[in-house]
Amino acid sequence: MGHARTQAVKSSAAGASFVISVRAKPRSSVSALEPAGPGTWVARLRSSPVDGQANAELVALVAKHFGCAKSAVSIVSGASARLKLVKVSGVVPRPADGDS
């Protein structure tokens, strides 16, 4: 399995839209979003994967990390899986640790 890269979907004066690959780890002791390689992130979520609680926490966590509204974050694929593709709109992507 290769590392997904942050992909710029489109750019505008308001910022760019990009997609990141996120591996969700529900029922963690802390809530955190950590870089795991180029364009790949690990989301440690306190919520259980029941009734969309973990996905809602993931959206809020990604929005907080990238400094945008929750409405600018959407799960593109993997809503019921641990590996998800998440689209972030209207911001400039910040490189993960280790990115050049």
Foldseek 3Di string as FASTA:
>chain_A
DDADAWDFPDADPLGTKTKAKEQEDECAPDFAWADDDHRYIYTDYNHDLPPQPRVLSVLVRVCVVQVHDSVQKDFPDDSPHRITMMMGPRGYDDTHPPDD
